[in-house]
PDB file of all heavy atoms in Angstrom:
ATOM      1  N   ALA A   1       7.721  -9.354  69.067  1.00  0.00           N
ATOM      2  CA  ALA A   1       8.468  -8.401  69.884  1.00  0.00           C
ATOM      3  C   ALA A   1       9.755  -7.953  69.190  1.00  0.00           C
ATOM      4  O   ALA A   1      10.210  -6.828  69.395  1.00  0.00           O
ATOM      5  CB  ALA A   1       8.780  -9.008  71.245  1.00  0.00           C
ATOM      6  N   THR A   2      10.305  -8.824  68.356  1.00  0.00           N
ATOM      7  CA  THR A   2      11.522  -8.459  67.615  1.00  0.00           C
ATOM      8  C   THR A   2      11.241  -7.285  66.684  1.00  0.00           C
ATOM      9  O   THR A   2      12.021  -6.335  66.618  1.00  0.00           O
ATOM     10  CB  THR A   2      12.057  -9.668  66.825  1.00  0.00           C
ATOM     11  OG1 THR A   2      12.316 -10.739  67.750  1.00  0.00           O
ATOM     12  CG2 THR A   2      13.307  -9.327  66.066  1.00  0.00           C
ATOM     13  N   ALA A   3      10.122  -7.344  65.958  1.00  0.00           N
ATOM     14  CA  ALA A   3       9.763  -6.257  65.047  1.00  0.00           C
ATOM     15  C   ALA A   3       9.428  -4.984  65.818  1.00  0.00           C
ATOM     16  O   ALA A   3       9.761  -3.880  65.373  1.00  0.00           O
ATOM     17  CB  ALA A   3       8.584  -6.667  64.169  1.00  0.00           C
ATOM     18  N   TRP A   4       8.776  -5.128  66.962  1.00  0.00           N
ATOM     19  CA  TRP A   4       8.462  -3.975  67.822  1.00  0.00           C
ATOM     20  C   TRP A   4       9.753  -3.259  68.196  1.00  0.00           C
ATOM     21  O   TRP A   4       9.872  -2.039  68.083  1.00  0.00           O
ATOM     22  CB  TRP A   4       7.716  -4.465  69.051  1.00  0.00           C
ATOM     23  CG  TRP A   4       7.353  -3.425  70.074  1.00  0.00           C
ATOM     24  CD1 TRP A   4       8.200  -2.870  71.002  1.00  0.00           C
ATOM     25  CD2 TRP A   4       6.087  -2.818  70.305  1.00  0.00           C
ATOM     26  NE1 TRP A   4       7.532  -1.964  71.791  1.00  0.00           N
ATOM     27  CE2 TRP A   4       6.229  -1.922  71.383  1.00  0.00           C
ATOM     28  CE3 TRP A   4       4.837  -2.968  69.710  1.00  0.00           C
ATOM     29  CZ2 TRP A   4       5.157  -1.174  71.875  1.00  0.00           C
ATOM     30  CZ3 TRP A   4       3.787  -2.221  70.213  1.00  0.00           C
ATOM     31  CH2 TRP A   4       3.950  -1.332  71.269  1.00  0.00           C
ATOM     32  N   ASP A   5      10.734  -4.030  68.647  1.00  0.00           N
ATOM     33  CA  ASP A   5      12.023  -3.479  69.057  1.00  0.00           C
ATOM     34  C   ASP A   5      12.758  -2.845  67.871  1.00  0.00           C
ATOM     35  O   ASP A   5      13.281  -1.736  67.975  1.00  0.00           O
ATOM     36  CB  ASP A   5      12.877  -4.581  69.689  1.00  0.00           C
ATOM     37  CG  ASP A   5      14.173  -4.065  70.292  1.00  0.00           C
ATOM     38  OD1 ASP A   5      14.175  -2.948  70.850  1.00  0.00           O
ATOM     39  OD2 ASP A   5      15.184  -4.783  70.209  1.00  0.00           O
ATOM     40  N   LYS A   6      12.778  -3.523  66.727  1.00  0.00           N
ATOM     41  CA  LYS A   6      13.462  -2.999  65.530  1.00  0.00           C
ATOM     42  C   LYS A   6      12.814  -1.714  65.021  1.00  0.00           C
ATOM     43  O   LYS A   6      13.477  -0.883  64.419  1.00  0.00           O
ATOM     44  CB  LYS A   6      13.483  -4.046  64.417  1.00  0.00           C
ATOM     45  CG  LYS A   6      14.504  -5.128  64.651  1.00  0.00           C
ATOM     46  CD  LYS A   6      14.560  -6.099  63.493  1.00  0.00           C
ATOM     47  CE  LYS A   6      15.589  -7.172  63.766  1.00  0.00           C
ATOM     48  NZ  LYS A   6      15.621  -8.185  62.710  1.00  0.00           N
ATOM     49  N   ALA A   7      11.511  -1.559  65.292  1.00  0.00           N
ATOM     50  CA  ALA A   7      10.804  -0.346  64.875  1.00  0.00           C
ATOM     51  C   ALA A   7      11.118   0.828  65.801  1.00  0.00           C
ATOM     52  O   ALA A   7      10.660   1.944  65.575  1.00  0.00           O
ATOM     53  CB  ALA A   7       9.298  -0.594  64.833  1.00  0.00           C
ATOM     54  N   GLY A   8      11.895   0.577  66.856  1.00  0.00           N
ATOM     55  CA  GLY A   8      12.266   1.643  67.782  1.00  0.00           C
ATOM     56  C   GLY A   8      11.174   2.001  68.771  1.00  0.00           C
ATOM     57  O   GLY A   8      11.230   3.058  69.401  1.00  0.00           O
ATOM     58  N   LEU A   9      10.190   1.108  68.941  1.00  0.00           N
ATOM     59  CA  LEU A   9       9.114   1.362  69.888  1.00  0.00           C
ATOM     60  C   LEU A   9       9.611   1.038  71.299  1.00  0.00           C
ATOM     61  O   LEU A   9      10.536   0.238  71.466  1.00  0.00           O
ATOM     62  CB  LEU A   9       7.888   0.527  69.513  1.00  0.00           C
ATOM     63  CG  LEU A   9       7.340   0.839  68.105  1.00  0.00           C
ATOM     64  CD1 LEU A   9       6.234  -0.132  67.728  1.00  0.00           C
ATOM     65  CD2 LEU A   9       6.850   2.272  68.016  1.00  0.00           C
ATOM     66  N   PRO A  10       9.028   1.651  72.324  1.00  0.00           N
ATOM     67  CA  PRO A  10       9.579   1.521  73.686  1.00  0.00           C
ATOM     68  C   PRO A  10       9.497   0.092  74.244  1.00  0.00           C
ATOM     69  O   PRO A  10       8.472  -0.567  74.124  1.00  0.00           O
ATOM     70  CB  PRO A  10       8.719   2.479  74.510  1.00  0.00           C
ATOM     71  CG  PRO A  10       7.501   2.726  73.705  1.00  0.00           C
ATOM     72  CD  PRO A  10       7.850   2.509  72.283  1.00  0.00           C
ATOM     73  N   VAL A  11      10.619  -0.335  74.825  1.00  0.00           N
ATOM     74  CA  VAL A  11      10.709  -1.633  75.482  1.00  0.00           C
ATOM     75  C   VAL A  11      11.445  -1.462  76.810  1.00  0.00           C
ATOM     76  O   VAL A  11      12.134  -0.471  77.022  1.00  0.00           O
ATOM     77  CB  VAL A  11      11.460  -2.681  74.626  1.00  0.00           C
ATOM     78  CG1 VAL A  11      10.702  -2.991  73.352  1.00  0.00           C
ATOM     79  CG2 VAL A  11      12.868  -2.234  74.319  1.00  0.00           C
ATOM     80  N   VAL A  12      11.290  -2.440  77.673  1.00  0.00           N
ATOM     81  CA  VAL A  12      12.042  -2.489  78.916  1.00  0.00           C
ATOM     82  C   VAL A  12      12.968  -3.692  78.799  1.00  0.00           C
ATOM     83  O   VAL A  12      12.514  -4.798  78.514  1.00  0.00           O
ATOM     84  CB  VAL A  12      11.098  -2.654  80.138  1.00  0.00           C
ATOM     85  CG1 VAL A  12      11.904  -2.791  81.413  1.00  0.00           C
ATOM     86  CG2 VAL A  12      10.133  -1.484  80.212  1.00  0.00           C
ATOM     87  N   ARG A  13      14.269  -3.462  78.984  1.00  0.00           N
ATOM     88  CA  ARG A  13      15.260  -4.539  78.855  1.00  0.00           C
ATOM     89  C   ARG A  13      15.829  -4.896  80.226  1.00  0.00           C
ATOM     90  O   ARG A  13      15.964  -4.048  81.083  1.00  0.00           O
ATOM     91  CB  ARG A  13      16.420  -4.105  77.972  1.00  0.00           C
ATOM     92  CG  ARG A  13      16.032  -3.824  76.557  1.00  0.00           C
ATOM     93  CD  ARG A  13      17.283  -3.453  75.739  1.00  0.00           C
ATOM     94  NE  ARG A  13      16.922  -2.939  74.448  1.00  0.00           N
ATOM     95  CZ  ARG A  13      16.608  -3.696  73.401  1.00  0.00           C
ATOM     96  NH1 ARG A  13      16.621  -4.985  73.524  1.00  0.00           N
ATOM     97  NH2 ARG A  13      16.287  -3.147  72.254  1.00  0.00           N
ATOM     98  N   SER A  14      16.193  -6.154  80.358  1.00  0.00           N
ATOM     99  CA  SER A  14      16.889  -6.571  81.574  1.00  0.00           C
ATOM    100  C   SER A  14      18.359  -6.797  81.238  1.00  0.00           C
ATOM    101  O   SER A  14      18.767  -6.717  80.092  1.00  0.00           O
ATOM    102  CB  SER A  14      16.273  -7.854  82.144  1.00  0.00           C
ATOM    103  OG  SER A  14      16.709  -8.972  81.405  1.00  0.00           O
ATOM    104  N   ARG A  15      19.136  -7.133  82.256  1.00  0.00           N
ATOM    105  CA  ARG A  15      20.564  -7.389  82.065  1.00  0.00           C
ATOM    106  C   ARG A  15      20.816  -8.682  81.313  1.00  0.00           C
ATOM    107  O   ARG A  15      21.814  -8.827  80.653  1.00  0.00           O
ATOM    108  CB  ARG A  15      21.275  -7.524  83.408  1.00  0.00           C
ATOM    109  CG  ARG A  15      21.205  -6.382  84.301  1.00  0.00           C
ATOM    110  CD  ARG A  15      22.080  -6.604  85.533  1.00  0.00           C
ATOM    111  NE  ARG A  15      22.452  -7.978  85.767  1.00  0.00           N
ATOM    112  CZ  ARG A  15      22.263  -8.630  86.895  1.00  0.00           C
ATOM    113  NH1 ARG A  15      21.685  -8.047  87.896  1.00  0.00           N
ATOM    114  NH2 ARG A  15      22.649  -9.874  87.036  1.00  0.00           N
ATOM    115  N   ARG A  16      19.929  -9.649  81.474  1.00  0.00           N
ATOM    116  CA  ARG A  16      20.164 -10.969  80.904  1.00  0.00           C
ATOM    117  C   ARG A  16      20.243 -10.867  79.382  1.00  0.00           C
ATOM    118  O   ARG A  16      19.377 -10.318  78.738  1.00  0.00           O
ATOM    119  CB  ARG A  16      19.070 -11.939  81.296  1.00  0.00           C
ATOM    120  CG  ARG A  16      19.438 -13.345  80.865  1.00  0.00           C
ATOM    121  CD  ARG A  16      18.425 -14.359  81.204  1.00  0.00           C
ATOM    122  NE  ARG A  16      17.995 -14.255  82.567  1.00  0.00           N
ATOM    123  CZ  ARG A  16      17.050 -15.003  83.078  1.00  0.00           C
ATOM    124  NH1 ARG A  16      16.456 -15.883  82.345  1.00  0.00           N
ATOM    125  NH2 ARG A  16      16.692 -14.863  84.326  1.00  0.00           N
ATOM    126  N   SER A  17      21.284 -11.439  78.824  1.00  0.00           N
ATOM    127  CA  SER A  17      21.485 -11.318  77.394  1.00  0.00           C
ATOM    128  C   SER A  17      20.807 -12.419  76.594  1.00  0.00           C
ATOM    129  O   SER A  17      20.387 -12.190  75.482  1.00  0.00           O
ATOM    130  CB  SER A  17      22.982 -11.287  77.076  1.00  0.00           C
ATOM    131  OG  SER A  17      23.595 -12.479  77.530  1.00  0.00           O
ATOM    132  N   LEU A  18      20.702 -13.624  77.139  1.00  0.00           N
ATOM    133  CA  LEU A  18      20.108 -14.721  76.382  1.00  0.00           C
ATOM    134  C   LEU A  18      18.991 -15.391  77.180  1.00  0.00           C
ATOM    135  O   LEU A  18      19.149 -15.663  78.363  1.00  0.00           O
ATOM    136  CB  LEU A  18      21.160 -15.788  76.068  1.00  0.00           C
ATOM    137  CG  LEU A  18      22.208 -15.438  75.031  1.00  0.00           C
ATOM    138  CD1 LEU A  18      23.230 -16.574  74.921  1.00  0.00           C
ATOM    139  CD2 LEU A  18      21.574 -15.184  73.687  1.00  0.00           C
ATOM    140  N   PRO A  19      17.875 -15.710  76.520  1.00  0.00           N
ATOM    141  CA  PRO A  19      16.821 -16.460  77.200  1.00  0.00           C
ATOM    142  C   PRO A  19      17.339 -17.838  77.626  1.00  0.00           C
ATOM    143  O   PRO A  19      18.244 -18.396  77.002  1.00  0.00           O
ATOM    144  CB  PRO A  19      15.725 -16.603  76.140  1.00  0.00           C
ATOM    145  CG  PRO A  19      16.026 -15.551  75.123  1.00  0.00           C
ATOM    146  CD  PRO A  19      17.508 -15.336  75.169  1.00  0.00           C
ATOM    147  N   MET A  20      16.739 -18.406  78.655  1.00  0.00           N
ATOM    148  CA  MET A  20      17.198 -19.673  79.214  1.00  0.00           C
ATOM    149  C   MET A  20      17.199 -20.795  78.183  1.00  0.00           C
ATOM    150  O   MET A  20      18.131 -21.600  78.135  1.00  0.00           O
ATOM    151  CB  MET A  20      16.339 -20.057  80.422  1.00  0.00           C
ATOM    152  CG  MET A  20      16.804 -21.305  81.130  1.00  0.00           C
ATOM    153  SD  MET A  20      18.497 -21.214  81.753  1.00  0.00           S
ATOM    154  CE  MET A  20      18.297 -20.009  83.049  1.00  0.00           C
ATOM    155  N   PHE A  21      16.157 -20.886  77.354  1.00  0.00           N
ATOM    156  CA  PHE A  21      16.124 -21.987  76.393  1.00  0.00           C
ATOM    157  C   PHE A  21      17.304 -21.923  75.432  1.00  0.00           C
ATOM    158  O   PHE A  21      17.833 -22.946  75.025  1.00  0.00           O
ATOM    159  CB  PHE A  21      14.782 -22.054  75.647  1.00  0.00           C
ATOM    160  CG  PHE A  21      14.587 -21.013  74.585  1.00  0.00           C
ATOM    161  CD1 PHE A  21      14.920 -21.263  73.273  1.00  0.00           C
ATOM    162  CD2 PHE A  21      14.049 -19.780  74.909  1.00  0.00           C
ATOM    163  CE1 PHE A  21      14.728 -20.303  72.294  1.00  0.00           C
ATOM    164  CE2 PHE A  21      13.859 -18.813  73.937  1.00  0.00           C
ATOM    165  CZ  PHE A  21      14.203 -19.076  72.625  1.00  0.00           C
ATOM    166  N   ARG A  22      17.750 -20.720  75.089  1.00  0.00           N
ATOM    167  CA  ARG A  22      18.920 -20.609  74.212  1.00  0.00           C
ATOM    168  C   ARG A  22      20.197 -20.980  74.948  1.00  0.00           C
ATOM    169  O   ARG A  22      21.108 -21.587  74.383  1.00  0.00           O
ATOM    170  CB  ARG A  22      19.009 -19.200  73.636  1.00  0.00           C
ATOM    171  CG  ARG A  22      17.888 -18.979  72.618  1.00  0.00           C
ATOM    172  CD  ARG A  22      18.023 -17.747  71.801  1.00  0.00           C
ATOM    173  NE  ARG A  22      19.309 -17.604  71.164  1.00  0.00           N
ATOM    174  CZ  ARG A  22      19.791 -16.428  70.764  1.00  0.00           C
ATOM    175  NH1 ARG A  22      19.080 -15.327  70.947  1.00  0.00           N
ATOM    176  NH2 ARG A  22      20.951 -16.354  70.184  1.00  0.00           N
ATOM    177  N   GLN A  23      20.296 -20.632  76.238  1.00  0.00           N
ATOM    178  CA  GLN A  23      21.455 -21.036  77.025  1.00  0.00           C
ATOM    179  C   GLN A  23      21.532 -22.561  77.102  1.00  0.00           C
ATOM    180  O   GLN A  23      22.617 -23.149  77.003  1.00  0.00           O
ATOM    181  CB  GLN A  23      21.389 -20.449  78.435  1.00  0.00           C
ATOM    182  CG  GLN A  23      21.547 -18.941  78.478  1.00  0.00           C
ATOM    183  CD  GLN A  23      21.490 -18.416  79.898  1.00  0.00           C
ATOM    184  OE1 GLN A  23      22.116 -18.975  80.782  1.00  0.00           O
ATOM    185  NE2 GLN A  23      20.738 -17.350  80.100  1.00  0.00           N
ATOM    186  N   ILE A  24      20.380 -23.222  77.262  1.00  0.00           N
ATOM    187  CA  ILE A  24      20.342 -24.685  77.317  1.00  0.00           C
ATOM    188  C   ILE A  24      20.770 -25.272  75.972  1.00  0.00           C
ATOM    189  O   ILE A  24      21.559 -26.223  75.921  1.00  0.00           O
ATOM    190  CB  ILE A  24      18.944 -25.177  77.729  1.00  0.00           C
ATOM    191  CG1 ILE A  24      18.658 -24.782  79.181  1.00  0.00           C
ATOM    192  CG2 ILE A  24      18.803 -26.687  77.532  1.00  0.00           C
ATOM    193  CD1 ILE A  24      17.224 -24.978  79.612  1.00  0.00           C
ATOM    194  N   GLN A  25      20.283 -24.704  74.885  1.00  0.00           N
ATOM    195  CA  GLN A  25      20.668 -25.194  73.555  1.00  0.00           C
ATOM    196  C   GLN A  25      22.171 -25.062  73.345  1.00  0.00           C
ATOM    197  O   GLN A  25      22.824 -25.984  72.844  1.00  0.00           O
ATOM    198  CB  GLN A  25      19.918 -24.424  72.467  1.00  0.00           C
ATOM    199  CG  GLN A  25      18.441 -24.725  72.412  1.00  0.00           C
ATOM    200  CD  GLN A  25      17.694 -23.790  71.471  1.00  0.00           C
ATOM    201  OE1 GLN A  25      18.092 -22.641  71.263  1.00  0.00           O
ATOM    202  NE2 GLN A  25      16.603 -24.262  70.912  1.00  0.00           N
ATOM    203  N   ILE A  26      22.732 -23.929  73.722  1.00  0.00           N
ATOM    204  CA  ILE A  26      24.180 -23.706  73.563  1.00  0.00           C
ATOM    205  C   ILE A  26      24.969 -24.670  74.439  1.00  0.00           C
ATOM    206  O   ILE A  26      25.945 -25.285  73.991  1.00  0.00           O
ATOM    207  CB  ILE A  26      24.540 -22.238  73.881  1.00  0.00           C
ATOM    208  CG1 ILE A  26      23.964 -21.306  72.809  1.00  0.00           C
ATOM    209  CG2 ILE A  26      26.059 -22.062  74.001  1.00  0.00           C
ATOM    210  CD1 ILE A  26      23.985 -19.837  73.179  1.00  0.00           C
ATOM    211  N   GLY A  27      24.545 -24.824  75.703  1.00  0.00           N
ATOM    212  CA  GLY A  27      25.247 -25.718  76.625  1.00  0.00           C
ATOM    213  C   GLY A  27      25.205 -27.163  76.169  1.00  0.00           C
ATOM    214  O   GLY A  27      26.237 -27.854  76.128  1.00  0.00           O
ATOM    215  N   ALA A  28      24.006 -27.647  75.819  1.00  0.00           N
ATOM    216  CA  ALA A  28      23.875 -29.046  75.387  1.00  0.00           C
ATOM    217  C   ALA A  28      24.607 -29.283  74.065  1.00  0.00           C
ATOM    218  O   ALA A  28      25.336 -30.268  73.928  1.00  0.00           O
ATOM    219  CB  ALA A  28      22.394 -29.410  75.256  1.00  0.00           C
ATOM    220  N   GLY A  29      24.443 -28.385  73.127  1.00  0.00           N
ATOM    221  CA  GLY A  29      25.130 -28.535  71.844  1.00  0.00           C
ATOM    222  C   GLY A  29      26.638 -28.495  71.997  1.00  0.00           C
ATOM    223  O   GLY A  29      27.369 -29.269  71.354  1.00  0.00           O
ATOM    224  N   GLY A  30      27.121 -27.615  72.871  1.00  0.00           N
ATOM    225  CA  GLY A  30      28.560 -27.526  73.120  1.00  0.00           C
ATOM    226  C   GLY A  30      29.113 -28.801  73.731  1.00  0.00           C
ATOM    227  O   GLY A  30      30.201 -29.267  73.357  1.00  0.00           O
ATOM    228  N   MET A  31      28.354 -29.398  74.668  1.00  0.00           N
ATOM    229  CA  MET A  31      28.822 -30.645  75.285  1.00  0.00           C
ATOM    230  C   MET A  31      28.822 -31.801  74.285  1.00  0.00           C
ATOM    231  O   MET A  31      29.711 -32.647  74.308  1.00  0.00           O
ATOM    232  CB  MET A  31      27.971 -30.988  76.512  1.00  0.00           C
ATOM    233  CG  MET A  31      28.278 -30.097  77.706  1.00  0.00           C
ATOM    234  SD  MET A  31      27.489 -30.641  79.233  1.00  0.00           S
ATOM    235  CE  MET A  31      25.780 -30.286  78.904  1.00  0.00           C
ATOM    236  N   VAL A  32      27.830 -31.851  73.402  1.00  0.00           N
ATOM    237  CA  VAL A  32      27.803 -32.898  72.371  1.00  0.00           C
ATOM    238  C   VAL A  32      29.019 -32.758  71.457  1.00  0.00           C
ATOM    239  O   VAL A  32      29.727 -33.732  71.171  1.00  0.00           O
ATOM    240  CB  VAL A  32      26.485 -32.845  71.556  1.00  0.00           C
ATOM    241  CG1 VAL A  32      26.580 -33.697  70.305  1.00  0.00           C
ATOM    242  CG2 VAL A  32      25.313 -33.289  72.414  1.00  0.00           C
ATOM    243  N   LEU A  33      29.276 -31.536  70.998  1.00  0.00           N
ATOM    244  CA  LEU A  33      30.435 -31.314  70.127  1.00  0.00           C
ATOM    245  C   LEU A  33      31.748 -31.610  70.848  1.00  0.00           C
ATOM    246  O   LEU A  33      32.667 -32.194  70.258  1.00  0.00           O
ATOM    247  CB  LEU A  33      30.430 -29.881  69.587  1.00  0.00           C
ATOM    248  CG  LEU A  33      29.335 -29.566  68.572  1.00  0.00           C
ATOM    249  CD1 LEU A  33      29.360 -28.087  68.219  1.00  0.00           C
ATOM    250  CD2 LEU A  33      29.491 -30.421  67.330  1.00  0.00           C
ATOM    251  N   LEU A  34      31.847 -31.225  72.116  1.00  0.00           N
ATOM    252  CA  LEU A  34      33.047 -31.513  72.899  1.00  0.00           C
ATOM    253  C   LEU A  34      33.258 -33.017  73.019  1.00  0.00           C
ATOM    254  O   LEU A  34      34.382 -33.519  72.836  1.00  0.00           O
ATOM    255  CB  LEU A  34      32.948 -30.874  74.286  1.00  0.00           C
ATOM    256  CG  LEU A  34      34.129 -31.118  75.226  1.00  0.00           C
ATOM    257  CD1 LEU A  34      35.386 -30.433  74.677  1.00  0.00           C
ATOM    258  CD2 LEU A  34      33.810 -30.596  76.621  1.00  0.00           C
ATOM    259  N   GLY A  35      32.200 -33.754  73.318  1.00  0.00           N
ATOM    260  CA  GLY A  35      32.299 -35.212  73.419  1.00  0.00           C
ATOM    261  C   GLY A  35      32.749 -35.841  72.118  1.00  0.00           C
ATOM    262  O   GLY A  35      33.591 -36.750  72.104  1.00  0.00           O
ATOM    263  N   LEU A  36      32.229 -35.350  71.003  1.00  0.00           N
ATOM    264  CA  LEU A  36      32.635 -35.881  69.701  1.00  0.00           C
ATOM    265  C   LEU A  36      34.096 -35.554  69.402  1.00  0.00           C
ATOM    266  O   LEU A  36      34.853 -36.410  68.929  1.00  0.00           O
ATOM    267  CB  LEU A  36      31.736 -35.334  68.592  1.00  0.00           C
ATOM    268  CG  LEU A  36      30.305 -35.858  68.575  1.00  0.00           C
ATOM    269  CD1 LEU A  36      29.474 -35.104  67.541  1.00  0.00           C
ATOM    270  CD2 LEU A  36      30.278 -37.355  68.303  1.00  0.00           C
ATOM    271  N   ALA A  37      34.503 -34.321  69.672  1.00  0.00           N
ATOM    272  CA  ALA A  37      35.889 -33.914  69.395  1.00  0.00           C
ATOM    273  C   ALA A  37      36.871 -34.691  70.264  1.00  0.00           C
ATOM    274  O   ALA A  37      37.899 -35.177  69.779  1.00  0.00           O
ATOM    275  CB  ALA A  37      36.050 -32.413  69.612  1.00  0.00           C
ATOM    276  N   LEU A  38      36.570 -34.818  71.563  1.00  0.00           N
ATOM    277  CA  LEU A  38      37.471 -35.535  72.467  1.00  0.00           C
ATOM    278  C   LEU A  38      37.518 -37.028  72.174  1.00  0.00           C
ATOM    279  O   LEU A  38      38.519 -37.692  72.459  1.00  0.00           O
ATOM    280  CB  LEU A  38      37.078 -35.282  73.922  1.00  0.00           C
ATOM    281  CG  LEU A  38      37.303 -33.858  74.442  1.00  0.00           C
ATOM    282  CD1 LEU A  38      36.738 -33.704  75.846  1.00  0.00           C
ATOM    283  CD2 LEU A  38      38.776 -33.494  74.406  1.00  0.00           C
ATOM    284  N   SER A  39      36.428 -37.565  71.592  1.00  0.00           N
ATOM    285  CA  SER A  39      36.409 -38.999  71.276  1.00  0.00           C
ATOM    286  C   SER A  39      37.408 -39.354  70.176  1.00  0.00           C
ATOM    287  O   SER A  39      37.776 -40.517  70.030  1.00  0.00           O
ATOM    288  CB  SER A  39      35.003 -39.445  70.873  1.00  0.00           C
ATOM    289  OG  SER A  39      34.655 -38.949  69.593  1.00  0.00           O
ATOM    290  N   LEU A  40      37.879 -38.360  69.434  1.00  0.00           N
ATOM    291  CA  LEU A  40      38.918 -38.618  68.428  1.00  0.00           C
ATOM    292  C   LEU A  40      40.227 -39.008  69.098  1.00  0.00           C
ATOM    293  O   LEU A  40      41.008 -39.792  68.552  1.00  0.00           O
ATOM    294  CB  LEU A  40      39.116 -37.390  67.533  1.00  0.00           C
ATOM    295  CG  LEU A  40      37.913 -36.992  66.667  1.00  0.00           C
ATOM    296  CD1 LEU A  40      38.186 -35.681  65.957  1.00  0.00           C
ATOM    297  CD2 LEU A  40      37.574 -38.103  65.687  1.00  0.00           C
ATOM    298  N   ALA A  41      40.478 -38.458  70.298  1.00  0.00           N
ATOM    299  CA  ALA A  41      41.692 -38.779  71.037  1.00  0.00           C
ATOM    300  C   ALA A  41      41.475 -39.996  71.938  1.00  0.00           C
ATOM    301  O   ALA A  41      42.376 -40.824  72.099  1.00  0.00           O
ATOM    302  CB  ALA A  41      42.130 -37.587  71.891  1.00  0.00           C
TER     303      ALA A  41
END
């Protein structure tokens, strides 16, 4: 679908900017990094 979109072929887009699995990856990764950074203090 990425190549379809880059080729300028018709797509229907929604408002949501990121798929849920990517939101989960960002959230979990951010909390791990936050825990590591705060553990220094």
